[in-house]
Structure formats: structure tokens, C-alpha cells
PDB file of N, CA and C in Angstrom:
ATOM      1  N   UNK A   1     -36.279 -41.440  66.117  1.00  0.00           N
ATOM      2  CA  UNK A   1     -37.155 -41.934  65.096  1.00  0.00           C
ATOM      3  C   UNK A   1     -36.625 -41.472  63.757  1.00  0.00           C
ATOM      4  N   UNK A   2     -36.427 -42.397  62.857  1.00  0.00           N
ATOM      5  CA  UNK A   2     -35.882 -42.057  61.547  1.00  0.00           C
ATOM      6  C   UNK A   2     -36.993 -41.587  60.625  1.00  0.00           C
ATOM      7  N   UNK A   3     -36.594 -40.881  59.584  1.00  0.00           N
ATOM      8  CA  UNK A   3     -37.589 -40.357  58.659  1.00  0.00           C
ATOM      9  C   UNK A   3     -38.176 -41.457  57.782  1.00  0.00           C
ATOM     10  N   UNK A   4     -37.540 -42.642  57.715  1.00  0.00           N
ATOM     11  CA  UNK A   4     -38.082 -43.728  56.903  1.00  0.00           C
ATOM     12  C   UNK A   4     -39.152 -44.526  57.649  1.00  0.00           C
ATOM     13  N   UNK A   5     -39.333 -44.273  58.951  1.00  0.00           N
ATOM     14  CA  UNK A   5     -40.318 -45.022  59.728  1.00  0.00           C
ATOM     15  C   UNK A   5     -41.748 -44.611  59.384  1.00  0.00           C
ATOM     16  N   UNK A   6     -41.956 -43.351  59.072  1.00  0.00           N
ATOM     17  CA  UNK A   6     -43.302 -42.901  58.716  1.00  0.00           C
ATOM     18  C   UNK A   6     -43.229 -42.143  57.400  1.00  0.00           C
ATOM     19  N   UNK A   7     -44.223 -42.326  56.554  1.00  0.00           N
ATOM     20  CA  UNK A   7     -44.199 -41.637  55.269  1.00  0.00           C
ATOM     21  C   UNK A   7     -44.454 -40.147  55.433  1.00  0.00           C
ATOM     22  N   UNK A   8     -43.969 -39.371  54.479  1.00  0.00           N
ATOM     23  CA  UNK A   8     -44.229 -37.932  54.487  1.00  0.00           C
ATOM     24  C   UNK A   8     -45.711 -37.696  54.241  1.00  0.00           C
ATOM     25  N   UNK A   9     -46.267 -36.599  54.735  1.00  0.00           N
ATOM     26  CA  UNK A   9     -47.703 -36.358  54.613  1.00  0.00           C
ATOM     27  C   UNK A   9     -48.218 -36.404  53.174  1.00  0.00           C
ATOM     28  N   UNK A  10     -47.474 -35.944  52.201  1.00  0.00           N
ATOM     29  CA  UNK A  10     -47.962 -35.906  50.833  1.00  0.00           C
ATOM     30  C   UNK A  10     -47.611 -37.127  50.011  1.00  0.00           C
ATOM     31  N   UNK A  11     -47.015 -38.153  50.611  1.00  0.00           N
ATOM     32  CA  UNK A  11     -46.523 -39.277  49.817  1.00  0.00           C
ATOM     33  C   UNK A  11     -47.401 -40.521  49.912  1.00  0.00           C
ATOM     34  N   UNK A  12     -48.661 -40.370  50.284  1.00  0.00           N
ATOM     35  CA  UNK A  12     -49.533 -41.534  50.367  1.00  0.00           C
ATOM     36  C   UNK A  12     -49.922 -41.981  48.969  1.00  0.00           C
ATOM     37  N   UNK A  13     -49.731 -43.252  48.712  1.00  0.00           N
ATOM     38  CA  UNK A  13     -50.134 -43.765  47.409  1.00  0.00           C
ATOM     39  C   UNK A  13     -51.562 -44.274  47.499  1.00  0.00           C
ATOM     40  N   UNK A  14     -52.258 -44.209  46.383  1.00  0.00           N
ATOM     41  CA  UNK A  14     -53.645 -44.628  46.362  1.00  0.00           C
ATOM     42  C   UNK A  14     -53.790 -46.082  45.975  1.00  0.00           C
ATOM     43  N   UNK A  15     -55.024 -46.510  45.868  1.00  0.00           N
ATOM     44  CA  UNK A  15     -55.330 -47.874  45.476  1.00  0.00           C
ATOM     45  C   UNK A  15     -54.911 -48.097  44.026  1.00  0.00           C
ATOM     46  N   UNK A  16     -54.391 -49.270  43.755  1.00  0.00           N
ATOM     47  CA  UNK A  16     -54.119 -49.632  42.378  1.00  0.00           C
ATOM     48  C   UNK A  16     -55.447 -49.983  41.704  1.00  0.00           C
ATOM     49  N   UNK A  17     -55.420 -50.074  40.390  1.00  0.00           N
ATOM     50  CA  UNK A  17     -56.644 -50.428  39.668  1.00  0.00           C
ATOM     51  C   UNK A  17     -57.116 -51.821  40.075  1.00  0.00           C
ATOM     52  N   UNK A  18     -56.193 -52.717  40.281  1.00  0.00           N
ATOM     53  CA  UNK A  18     -56.539 -54.082  40.676  1.00  0.00           C
ATOM     54  C   UNK A  18     -57.167 -54.122  42.066  1.00  0.00           C
ATOM     55  N   UNK A  19     -56.588 -53.382  43.018  1.00  0.00           N
ATOM     56  CA  UNK A  19     -57.127 -53.352  44.383  1.00  0.00           C
ATOM     57  C   UNK A  19     -58.504 -52.700  44.412  1.00  0.00           C
ATOM     58  N   UNK A  20     -58.674 -51.620  43.661  1.00  0.00           N
ATOM     59  CA  UNK A  20     -59.983 -50.956  43.613  1.00  0.00           C
ATOM     60  C   UNK A  20     -61.035 -51.892  43.039  1.00  0.00           C
ATOM     61  N   UNK A  21     -60.684 -52.626  41.991  1.00  0.00           N
ATOM     62  CA  UNK A  21     -61.629 -53.562  41.378  1.00  0.00           C
ATOM     63  C   UNK A  21     -61.967 -54.691  42.345  1.00  0.00           C
ATOM     64  N   UNK A  22     -60.978 -55.195  43.077  1.00  0.00           N
ATOM     65  CA  UNK A  22     -61.235 -56.266  44.051  1.00  0.00           C
ATOM     66  C   UNK A  22     -62.162 -55.810  45.161  1.00  0.00           C
ATOM     67  N   UNK A  23     -61.960 -54.606  45.662  1.00  0.00           N
ATOM     68  CA  UNK A  23     -62.830 -54.083  46.714  1.00  0.00           C
ATOM     69  C   UNK A  23     -64.247 -53.909  46.169  1.00  0.00           C
ATOM     70  N   UNK A  24     -64.354 -53.383  44.958  1.00  0.00           N
ATOM     71  CA  UNK A  24     -65.671 -53.198  44.346  1.00  0.00           C
ATOM     72  C   UNK A  24     -66.384 -54.536  44.169  1.00  0.00           C
ATOM     73  N   UNK A  25     -65.688 -55.542  43.661  1.00  0.00           N
ATOM     74  CA  UNK A  25     -66.294 -56.861  43.478  1.00  0.00           C
ATOM     75  C   UNK A  25     -66.641 -57.514  44.811  1.00  0.00           C
ATOM     76  N   UNK A  26     -65.846 -57.268  45.844  1.00  0.00           N
ATOM     77  CA  UNK A  26     -66.141 -57.829  47.164  1.00  0.00           C
ATOM     78  C   UNK A  26     -67.422 -57.220  47.730  1.00  0.00           C
ATOM     79  N   UNK A  27     -67.603 -55.919  47.549  1.00  0.00           N
ATOM     80  CA  UNK A  27     -68.812 -55.261  48.034  1.00  0.00           C
ATOM     81  C   UNK A  27     -70.043 -55.803  47.310  1.00  0.00           C
ATOM     82  N   UNK A  28     -69.955 -55.903  45.992  1.00  0.00           N
ATOM     83  CA  UNK A  28     -71.086 -56.405  45.211  1.00  0.00           C
ATOM     84  C   UNK A  28     -71.337 -57.877  45.530  1.00  0.00           C
ATOM     85  N   UNK A  29     -70.278 -58.661  45.655  1.00  0.00           N
ATOM     86  CA  UNK A  29     -70.419 -60.083  45.986  1.00  0.00           C
ATOM     87  C   UNK A  29     -71.065 -60.293  47.342  1.00  0.00           C
ATOM     88  N   UNK A  30     -70.713 -59.462  48.313  1.00  0.00           N
ATOM     89  CA  UNK A  30     -71.315 -59.563  49.633  1.00  0.00           C
ATOM     90  C   UNK A  30     -72.818 -59.337  49.562  1.00  0.00           C
ATOM     91  N   UNK A  31     -73.247 -58.361  48.768  1.00  0.00           N
ATOM     92  CA  UNK A  31     -74.673 -58.106  48.613  1.00  0.00           C
ATOM     93  C   UNK A  31     -75.402 -59.270  47.953  1.00  0.00           C
ATOM     94  N   UNK A  32     -74.764 -59.889  46.965  1.00  0.00           N
ATOM     95  CA  UNK A  32     -75.376 -61.033  46.285  1.00  0.00           C
ATOM     96  C   UNK A  32     -75.502 -62.217  47.230  1.00  0.00           C
ATOM     97  N   UNK A  33     -74.452 -62.481  48.013  1.00  0.00           N
ATOM     98  CA  UNK A  33     -74.506 -63.586  48.984  1.00  0.00           C
ATOM     99  C   UNK A  33     -75.595 -63.327  50.021  1.00  0.00           C
ATOM    100  N   UNK A  34     -75.723 -62.080  50.469  1.00  0.00           N
ATOM    101  CA  UNK A  34     -76.766 -61.753  51.449  1.00  0.00           C
ATOM    102  C   UNK A  34     -78.152 -61.992  50.864  1.00  0.00           C
ATOM    103  N   UNK A  35     -78.354 -61.628  49.609  1.00  0.00           N
ATOM    104  CA  UNK A  35     -79.648 -61.883  48.972  1.00  0.00           C
ATOM    105  C   UNK A  35     -79.917 -63.371  48.815  1.00  0.00           C
ATOM    106  N   UNK A  36     -78.891 -64.132  48.465  1.00  0.00           N
ATOM    107  CA  UNK A  36     -79.060 -65.583  48.349  1.00  0.00           C
ATOM    108  C   UNK A  36     -79.432 -66.203  49.691  1.00  0.00           C
ATOM    109  N   UNK A  37     -78.864 -65.676  50.780  1.00  0.00           N
ATOM    110  CA  UNK A  37     -79.206 -66.187  52.105  1.00  0.00           C
ATOM    111  C   UNK A  37     -80.659 -65.885  52.457  1.00  0.00           C
ATOM    112  N   UNK A  38     -81.171 -64.769  51.994  1.00  0.00           N
ATOM    113  CA  UNK A  38     -82.566 -64.445  52.276  1.00  0.00           C
ATOM    114  C   UNK A  38     -83.499 -65.413  51.552  1.00  0.00           C
ATOM    115  N   UNK A  39     -83.183 -65.743  50.323  1.00  0.00           N
ATOM    116  CA  UNK A  39     -84.104 -66.540  49.511  1.00  0.00           C
ATOM    117  C   UNK A  39     -83.838 -68.040  49.545  1.00  0.00           C
ATOM    118  N   UNK A  40     -82.941 -68.499  50.403  1.00  0.00           N
ATOM    119  CA  UNK A  40     -82.730 -69.946  50.531  1.00  0.00           C
ATOM    120  C   UNK A  40     -83.858 -70.549  51.369  1.00  0.00           C
ATOM    121  N   UNK A  41     -84.288 -71.773  51.065  1.00  0.00           N
ATOM    122  CA  UNK A  41     -85.450 -72.349  51.751  1.00  0.00           C
ATOM    123  C   UNK A  41     -85.102 -73.295  52.908  1.00  0.00           C
ATOM    124  N   UNK A  42     -83.881 -73.281  53.412  1.00  0.00           N
ATOM    125  CA  UNK A  42     -83.437 -74.325  54.334  1.00  0.00           C
ATOM    126  C   UNK A  42     -83.441 -73.929  55.802  1.00  0.00           C
ATOM    127  N   UNK A  43     -83.063 -72.705  56.128  1.00  0.00           N
ATOM    128  CA  UNK A  43     -82.812 -72.367  57.525  1.00  0.00           C
ATOM    129  C   UNK A  43     -83.274 -70.950  57.838  1.00  0.00           C
ATOM    130  N   UNK A  44     -83.983 -70.821  58.959  1.00  0.00           N
ATOM    131  CA  UNK A  44     -84.377 -69.492  59.414  1.00  0.00           C
ATOM    132  C   UNK A  44     -83.179 -68.706  59.948  1.00  0.00           C
ATOM    133  N   UNK A  45     -82.183 -69.407  60.497  1.00  0.00           N
ATOM    134  CA  UNK A  45     -80.982 -68.725  60.978  1.00  0.00           C
ATOM    135  C   UNK A  45     -80.237 -68.070  59.813  1.00  0.00           C
ATOM    136  N   UNK A  46     -80.129 -68.788  58.692  1.00  0.00           N
ATOM    137  CA  UNK A  46     -79.477 -68.203  57.518  1.00  0.00           C
ATOM    138  C   UNK A  46     -80.296 -67.048  56.957  1.00  0.00           C
ATOM    139  N   UNK A  47     -81.620 -67.147  57.048  1.00  0.00           N
ATOM    140  CA  UNK A  47     -82.478 -66.044  56.625  1.00  0.00           C
ATOM    141  C   UNK A  47     -82.197 -64.798  57.460  1.00  0.00           C
ATOM    142  N   UNK A  48     -82.075 -64.967  58.777  1.00  0.00           N
ATOM    143  CA  UNK A  48     -81.775 -63.832  59.651  1.00  0.00           C
ATOM    144  C   UNK A  48     -80.424 -63.215  59.355  1.00  0.00           C
ATOM    145  N   UNK A  49     -79.440 -64.070  59.111  1.00  0.00           N
ATOM    146  CA  UNK A  49     -78.104 -63.570  58.739  1.00  0.00           C
ATOM    147  C   UNK A  49     -78.182 -62.815  57.425  1.00  0.00           C
ATOM    148  N   UNK A  50     -78.966 -63.348  56.488  1.00  0.00           N
ATOM    149  CA  UNK A  50     -79.132 -62.673  55.203  1.00  0.00           C
ATOM    150  C   UNK A  50     -79.802 -61.327  55.344  1.00  0.00           C
ATOM    151  N   UNK A  51     -80.795 -61.232  56.226  1.00  0.00           N
ATOM    152  CA  UNK A  51     -81.476 -59.944  56.456  1.00  0.00           C
ATOM    153  C   UNK A  51     -80.501 -58.902  56.993  1.00  0.00           C
ATOM    154  N   UNK A  52     -79.710 -59.285  57.967  1.00  0.00           N
ATOM    155  CA  UNK A  52     -78.695 -58.363  58.496  1.00  0.00           C
ATOM    156  C   UNK A  52     -77.663 -58.041  57.430  1.00  0.00           C
ATOM    157  N   UNK A  53     -77.306 -59.043  56.631  1.00  0.00           N
ATOM    158  CA  UNK A  53     -76.329 -58.829  55.569  1.00  0.00           C
ATOM    159  C   UNK A  53     -76.812 -57.859  54.508  1.00  0.00           C
ATOM    160  N   UNK A  54     -78.100 -57.886  54.183  1.00  0.00           N
ATOM    161  CA  UNK A  54     -78.639 -56.952  53.192  1.00  0.00           C
ATOM    162  C   UNK A  54     -78.570 -55.522  53.718  1.00  0.00           C
ATOM    163  N   UNK A  55     -78.849 -55.339  54.992  1.00  0.00           N
ATOM    164  CA  UNK A  55     -78.751 -53.990  55.573  1.00  0.00           C
ATOM    165  C   UNK A  55     -77.309 -53.498  55.512  1.00  0.00           C
ATOM    166  N   UNK A  56     -76.378 -54.358  55.906  1.00  0.00           N
ATOM    167  CA  UNK A  56     -74.961 -53.984  55.876  1.00  0.00           C
ATOM    168  C   UNK A  56     -74.509 -53.739  54.434  1.00  0.00           C
ATOM    169  N   UNK A  57     -74.936 -54.599  53.505  1.00  0.00           N
ATOM    170  CA  UNK A  57     -74.550 -54.430  52.104  1.00  0.00           C
ATOM    171  C   UNK A  57     -75.096 -53.115  51.544  1.00  0.00           C
ATOM    172  N   UNK A  58     -76.301 -52.754  51.944  1.00  0.00           N
ATOM    173  CA  UNK A  58     -76.858 -51.480  51.501  1.00  0.00           C
ATOM    174  C   UNK A  58     -76.037 -50.300  51.995  1.00  0.00           C
ATOM    175  N   UNK A  59     -75.549 -50.395  53.213  1.00  0.00           N
ATOM    176  CA  UNK A  59     -74.705 -49.329  53.755  1.00  0.00           C
ATOM    177  C   UNK A  59     -73.339 -49.309  53.078  1.00  0.00           C
ATOM    178  N   UNK A  60     -72.771 -50.484  52.873  1.00  0.00           N
ATOM    179  CA  UNK A  60     -71.435 -50.577  52.288  1.00  0.00           C
ATOM    180  C   UNK A  60     -71.448 -50.157  50.819  1.00  0.00           C
ATOM    181  N   UNK A  61     -72.600 -50.283  50.155  1.00  0.00           N
ATOM    182  CA  UNK A  61     -72.697 -49.846  48.760  1.00  0.00           C
ATOM    183  C   UNK A  61     -72.407 -48.353  48.613  1.00  0.00           C
ATOM    184  N   UNK A  62     -72.529 -47.596  49.679  1.00  0.00           N
ATOM    185  CA  UNK A  62     -72.181 -46.177  49.632  1.00  0.00           C
ATOM    186  C   UNK A  62     -70.697 -45.946  49.411  1.00  0.00           C
ATOM    187  N   UNK A  63     -69.878 -46.985  49.589  1.00  0.00           N
ATOM    188  CA  UNK A  63     -68.438 -46.859  49.385  1.00  0.00           C
ATOM    189  C   UNK A  63     -68.028 -47.134  47.941  1.00  0.00           C
ATOM    190  N   UNK A  64     -68.935 -47.610  47.113  1.00  0.00           N
ATOM    191  CA  UNK A  64     -68.582 -47.931  45.727  1.00  0.00           C
ATOM    192  C   UNK A  64     -68.000 -46.739  44.956  1.00  0.00           C
ATOM    193  N   UNK A  65     -68.493 -45.508  45.129  1.00  0.00           N
ATOM    194  CA  UNK A  65     -67.865 -44.397  44.404  1.00  0.00           C
ATOM    195  C   UNK A  65     -66.403 -44.158  44.806  1.00  0.00           C
ATOM    196  N   UNK A  66     -66.011 -44.625  45.975  1.00  0.00           N
ATOM    197  CA  UNK A  66     -64.620 -44.452  46.414  1.00  0.00           C
ATOM    198  C   UNK A  66     -63.712 -45.568  45.926  1.00  0.00           C
ATOM    199  N   UNK A  67     -64.245 -46.577  45.295  1.00  0.00           N
ATOM    200  CA  UNK A  67     -63.437 -47.698  44.797  1.00  0.00           C
ATOM    201  C   UNK A  67     -62.901 -47.358  43.416  1.00  0.00           C
ATOM    202  N   UNK A  68     -61.980 -46.413  43.381  1.00  0.00           N
ATOM    203  CA  UNK A  68     -61.347 -45.979  42.144  1.00  0.00           C
ATOM    204  C   UNK A  68     -59.842 -45.998  42.329  1.00  0.00           C
ATOM    205  N   UNK A  69     -59.117 -46.217  41.261  1.00  0.00           N
ATOM    206  CA  UNK A  69     -57.656 -46.148  41.373  1.00  0.00           C
ATOM    207  C   UNK A  69     -57.221 -44.758  41.814  1.00  0.00           C
ATOM    208  N   UNK A  70     -56.264 -44.716  42.713  1.00  0.00           N
ATOM    209  CA  UNK A  70     -55.737 -43.452  43.205  1.00  0.00           C
ATOM    210  C   UNK A  70     -56.347 -42.979  44.507  1.00  0.00           C
ATOM    211  N   UNK A  71     -57.495 -43.515  44.889  1.00  0.00           N
ATOM    212  CA  UNK A  71     -58.107 -43.142  46.169  1.00  0.00           C
ATOM    213  C   UNK A  71     -57.325 -43.831  47.279  1.00  0.00           C
ATOM    214  N   UNK A  72     -56.977 -43.098  48.304  1.00  0.00           N
ATOM    215  CA  UNK A  72     -56.188 -43.683  49.384  1.00  0.00           C
ATOM    216  C   UNK A  72     -57.049 -44.576  50.274  1.00  0.00           C
ATOM    217  N   UNK A  73     -56.394 -45.502  50.923  1.00  0.00           N
ATOM    218  CA  UNK A  73     -57.088 -46.377  51.867  1.00  0.00           C
ATOM    219  C   UNK A  73     -57.643 -45.544  53.016  1.00  0.00           C
ATOM    220  N   UNK A  74     -56.947 -44.500  53.363  1.00  0.00           N
ATOM    221  CA  UNK A  74     -57.420 -43.611  54.432  1.00  0.00           C
ATOM    222  C   UNK A  74     -58.746 -42.939  54.048  1.00  0.00           C
ATOM    223  N   UNK A  75     -58.878 -42.520  52.796  1.00  0.00           N
ATOM    224  CA  UNK A  75     -60.122 -41.913  52.339  1.00  0.00           C
ATOM    225  C   UNK A  75     -61.254 -42.948  52.330  1.00  0.00           C
ATOM    226  N   UNK A  76     -60.937 -44.170  51.940  1.00  0.00           N
ATOM    227  CA  UNK A  76     -61.932 -45.241  51.955  1.00  0.00           C
ATOM    228  C   UNK A  76     -62.377 -45.538  53.383  1.00  0.00           C
ATOM    229  N   UNK A  77     -61.425 -45.579  54.312  1.00  0.00           N
ATOM    230  CA  UNK A  77     -61.758 -45.821  55.717  1.00  0.00           C
ATOM    231  C   UNK A  77     -62.565 -44.657  56.293  1.00  0.00           C
ATOM    232  N   UNK A  78     -62.225 -43.434  55.910  1.00  0.00           N
ATOM    233  CA  UNK A  78     -62.977 -42.266  56.376  1.00  0.00           C
ATOM    234  C   UNK A  78     -64.417 -42.332  55.874  1.00  0.00           C
ATOM    235  N   UNK A  79     -64.602 -42.721  54.628  1.00  0.00           N
ATOM    236  CA  UNK A  79     -65.955 -42.885  54.092  1.00  0.00           C
ATOM    237  C   UNK A  79     -66.728 -43.953  54.844  1.00  0.00           C
ATOM    238  N   UNK A  80     -66.060 -45.066  55.178  1.00  0.00           N
ATOM    239  CA  UNK A  80     -66.710 -46.132  55.939  1.00  0.00           C
ATOM    240  C   UNK A  80     -67.108 -45.641  57.333  1.00  0.00           C
ATOM    241  N   UNK A  81     -66.269 -44.856  57.964  1.00  0.00           N
ATOM    242  CA  UNK A  81     -66.604 -44.317  59.287  1.00  0.00           C
ATOM    243  C   UNK A  81     -67.773 -43.337  59.210  1.00  0.00           C
ATOM    244  N   UNK A  82     -67.842 -42.551  58.161  1.00  0.00           N
ATOM    245  CA  UNK A  82     -68.965 -41.624  57.999  1.00  0.00           C
ATOM    246  C   UNK A  82     -70.264 -42.395  57.810  1.00  0.00           C
ATOM    247  N   UNK A  83     -70.234 -43.429  56.963  1.00  0.00           N
ATOM    248  CA  UNK A  83     -71.434 -44.248  56.746  1.00  0.00           C
ATOM    249  C   UNK A  83     -71.854 -44.917  58.054  1.00  0.00           C
ATOM    250  N   UNK A  84     -70.896 -45.454  58.803  1.00  0.00           N
ATOM    251  CA  UNK A  84     -71.213 -46.102  60.076  1.00  0.00           C
ATOM    252  C   UNK A  84     -71.769 -45.082  61.079  1.00  0.00           C
ATOM    253  N   UNK A  85     -71.204 -43.897  61.106  1.00  0.00           N
ATOM    254  CA  UNK A  85     -71.689 -42.862  62.020  1.00  0.00           C
ATOM    255  C   UNK A  85     -73.114 -42.434  61.714  1.00  0.00           C
ATOM    256  N   UNK A  86     -73.423 -42.262  60.426  1.00  0.00           N
ATOM    257  CA  UNK A  86     -74.792 -41.895  60.042  1.00  0.00           C
ATOM    258  C   UNK A  86     -75.753 -43.016  60.409  1.00  0.00           C
ATOM    259  N   UNK A  87     -75.346 -44.274  60.176  1.00  0.00           N
ATOM    260  CA  UNK A  87     -76.200 -45.406  60.530  1.00  0.00           C
ATOM    261  C   UNK A  87     -76.471 -45.442  62.030  1.00  0.00           C
ATOM    262  N   UNK A  88     -75.449 -45.258  62.839  1.00  0.00           N
ATOM    263  CA  UNK A  88     -75.624 -45.289  64.291  1.00  0.00           C
ATOM    264  C   UNK A  88     -76.510 -44.134  64.749  1.00  0.00           C
ATOM    265  N   UNK A  89     -76.322 -42.949  64.164  1.00  0.00           N
ATOM    266  CA  UNK A  89     -77.167 -41.808  64.534  1.00  0.00           C
ATOM    267  C   UNK A  89     -78.628 -42.082  64.194  1.00  0.00           C
ATOM    268  N   UNK A  90     -78.888 -42.625  63.009  1.00  0.00           N
ATOM    269  CA  UNK A  90     -80.268 -42.940  62.619  1.00  0.00           C
ATOM    270  C   UNK A  90     -80.852 -44.044  63.496  1.00  0.00           C
ATOM    271  N   UNK A  91     -80.040 -45.011  63.888  1.00  0.00           N
ATOM    272  CA  UNK A  91     -80.494 -46.084  64.766  1.00  0.00           C
ATOM    273  C   UNK A  91     -80.887 -45.530  66.133  1.00  0.00           C
ATOM    274  N   UNK A  92     -80.072 -44.645  66.674  1.00  0.00           N
ATOM    275  CA  UNK A  92     -80.375 -44.047  67.979  1.00  0.00           C
ATOM    276  C   UNK A  92     -81.660 -43.212  67.896  1.00  0.00           C
ATOM    277  N   UNK A  93     -81.809 -42.445  66.826  1.00  0.00           N
ATOM    278  CA  UNK A  93     -83.026 -41.639  66.664  1.00  0.00           C
ATOM    279  C   UNK A  93     -84.254 -42.544  66.537  1.00  0.00           C
ATOM    280  N   UNK A  94     -84.152 -43.607  65.751  1.00  0.00           N
ATOM    281  CA  UNK A  94     -85.293 -44.507  65.564  1.00  0.00           C
ATOM    282  C   UNK A  94     -85.667 -45.212  66.865  1.00  0.00           C
ATOM    283  N   UNK A  95     -84.676 -45.731  67.566  1.00  0.00           N
ATOM    284  CA  UNK A  95     -84.963 -46.424  68.827  1.00  0.00           C
ATOM    285  C   UNK A  95     -85.488 -45.456  69.882  1.00  0.00           C
ATOM    286  N   UNK A  96     -84.919 -44.265  69.915  1.00  0.00           N
ATOM    287  CA  UNK A  96     -85.395 -43.261  70.873  1.00  0.00           C
ATOM    288  C   UNK A  96     -86.821 -42.843  70.598  1.00  0.00           C
ATOM    289  N   UNK A  97     -87.163 -42.638  69.335  1.00  0.00           N
ATOM    290  CA  UNK A  97     -88.536 -42.244  69.030  1.00  0.00           C
ATOM    291  C   UNK A  97     -89.515 -43.383  69.295  1.00  0.00           C
ATOM    292  N   UNK A  98     -89.107 -44.631  69.046  1.00  0.00           N
ATOM    293  CA  UNK A  98     -89.979 -45.771  69.353  1.00  0.00           C
ATOM    294  C   UNK A  98     -90.201 -45.877  70.862  1.00  0.00           C
ATOM    295  N   UNK A  99     -89.147 -45.658  71.636  1.00  0.00           N
ATOM    296  CA  UNK A  99     -89.274 -45.703  73.094  1.00  0.00           C
ATOM    297  C   UNK A  99     -90.213 -44.605  73.589  1.00  0.00           C
ATOM    298  N   UNK A 100     -90.006 -43.394  73.087  1.00  0.00           N
ATOM    299  CA  UNK A 100     -90.851 -42.283  73.530  1.00  0.00           C
ATOM    300  C   UNK A 100     -92.308 -42.470  73.098  1.00  0.00           C
ATOM    301  N   UNK A 101     -92.527 -43.008  71.916  1.00  0.00           N
ATOM    302  CA  UNK A 101     -93.885 -43.295  71.462  1.00  0.00           C
ATOM    303  C   UNK A 101     -94.550 -44.299  72.398  1.00  0.00           C
ATOM    304  N   UNK A 102     -93.831 -45.357  72.735  1.00  0.00           N
ATOM    305  CA  UNK A 102     -94.382 -46.363  73.633  1.00  0.00           C
ATOM    306  C   UNK A 102     -94.640 -45.824  75.025  1.00  0.00           C
ATOM    307  N   UNK A 103     -93.792 -44.946  75.468  1.00  0.00           N
ATOM    308  CA  UNK A 103     -93.940 -44.413  76.821  1.00  0.00           C
ATOM    309  C   UNK A 103     -95.081 -43.400  76.929  1.00  0.00           C
ATOM    310  N   UNK A 104     -95.210 -42.526  75.956  1.00  0.00           N
ATOM    311  CA  UNK A 104     -96.164 -41.410  76.101  1.00  0.00           C
ATOM    312  C   UNK A 104     -97.510 -41.639  75.409  1.00  0.00           C
ATOM    313  N   UNK A 105     -97.563 -42.498  74.377  1.00  0.00           N
ATOM    314  CA  UNK A 105     -98.825 -42.660  73.671  1.00  0.00           C
ATOM    315  C   UNK A 105     -99.489 -44.013  73.922  1.00  0.00           C
ATOM    316  N   UNK A 106     -98.715 -45.038  74.077  1.00  0.00           N
ATOM    317  CA  UNK A 106     -99.283 -46.376  74.300  1.00  0.00           C
ATOM    318  C   UNK A 106     -99.547 -46.592  75.774  1.00  0.00           C
ATOM    319  N   UNK A 107     -98.741 -46.032  76.630  1.00  0.00           N
ATOM    320  CA  UNK A 107     -98.860 -46.255  78.066  1.00  0.00           C
ATOM    321  C   UNK A 107    -100.048 -45.555  78.703  1.00  0.00           C
ATOM    322  N   UNK A 108    -100.674 -44.626  78.043  1.00  0.00           N
ATOM    323  CA  UNK A 108    -101.780 -43.869  78.652  1.00  0.00           C
ATOM    324  C   UNK A 108    -103.104 -44.420  78.248  1.00  0.00           C
TER     325      UNK A 108
END
């Protein structure tokens, strides 16, 4: 394996100003499209997609502080994994507590 196949540990370049701005605008644009889907009067299926999109957009908005020039893609991906992990943990806790509530308080 040659040394040119993988970059040295300290040589990771960060996002350019243009790439950071594009990612930031994509995140904001996704949230706007999700809101438009919620308030459109044509289809309940699009409303449902919009509802899910607003939840995802709210989570993805946590990545906006990382959309700066010089931040590595790896750091951005790590932030996305942390946000996804917290969301999954909260989802499991919420579903588990709803299940236990139904089992022990409603069932009796």
C-alpha cells in the first residue's frame, strides 16, 4: 500500500466556503419544502410526508453550526450521527414508556 492511497491523519481539508454555504442552504431549503408540504391543500399523503419532513428538518437544523468553512466532512458526519443517536434514544424511551403505561395502567 502506497502512502498516496490514504491521506495523512493531519492533512484533512475542511469544507470550502461555497460547500458550507450549499449545505446550509440545502438544510434550510429542506425545512421550507417540508413546511410547504404541510400547508398544501391537495393531498393527505403529501401532508404526511411534510409532517415527517418537518421532524427530520428540525433534527438536521442542529447541524447548521457545523456548516462553516474549514469544518471537515468527518466532523459534519459525526454531528449527524450524534443527532441521529439522540433521536433514536428518545424514540425508544418514548415508545417504551407508552408501552409500559398501556400495559400497567390502562390494562387494569
